[in-house]
């Protein structure tokens, strides 16, 4: 696919997806969703990529969905646009590799929802988060009502969505929306350090951890715990687990 609004680069097994529409604050439109879905398929078929980072070009991560495109939509088209976005963000959430959002600037509306579909969110001190859809007479459409409540609690989700208040990265850290905050000049350096740390671990174990956590959250505690036991047991039959435990006992680094 010929990508127009996304860029991809792979460095030391770290795949970096950059939203590349800075003139429009990386607003999410139909082209973005088509390209992101296709790019994820490409990455899934590339064994050299072990982890993915998503970030934005310019001063925004993504400052929401493209209102110019949405303003012309009918009820049916609005439903379809929501479904397309939800499907792509579900694809990120359920992607086999860990996905880190490097939030360099504004992450508003659909942009905030994009960060929440990622597994971890690392933010710049200049990042801003918010769900301002009620200012337009709308609600979040890409599962923002569901992910924000699960990540930060119903009270925080209702507060942010109903007030449309924009918060800074420190407040996002306080409520659990992001995991770390760094100065802008070292953001990508720190995110890459985290990515390298993760890919230095057992690859199958990391992917299995993501799978069990994601599927467990979609079910009740007992189902999630049973899945954990099942996956825990299966790992004992892998070369990776054998090597990891042998390396520990022999006091050396594992040779994955």
Foldseek 3Di string as FASTA:
>chain_A
DDQDQWDWDADQLEIEIEGRDVVQLSAADPSNLVVLVVVLVVNLPDPSHQAYEYAYPDAFRYAYHDVVVVVPDDPVRLLVVLVSLQVSLCCQLLRLHAYEYLTQAEQEQSSLVSRLSGPAYEYEQRYKYAYQCVVVVDFRRNCLQPSCCVQQNNVVSCCRGVVRDIDGPVVCCVSRSHPYYYHNVCSVVVVVVVVVVVVLAQSVVNSLVSVLVSVPVVDDVVVSVVSVVVVVVVCVPDPRVVQCVVCVVVVHRGDD
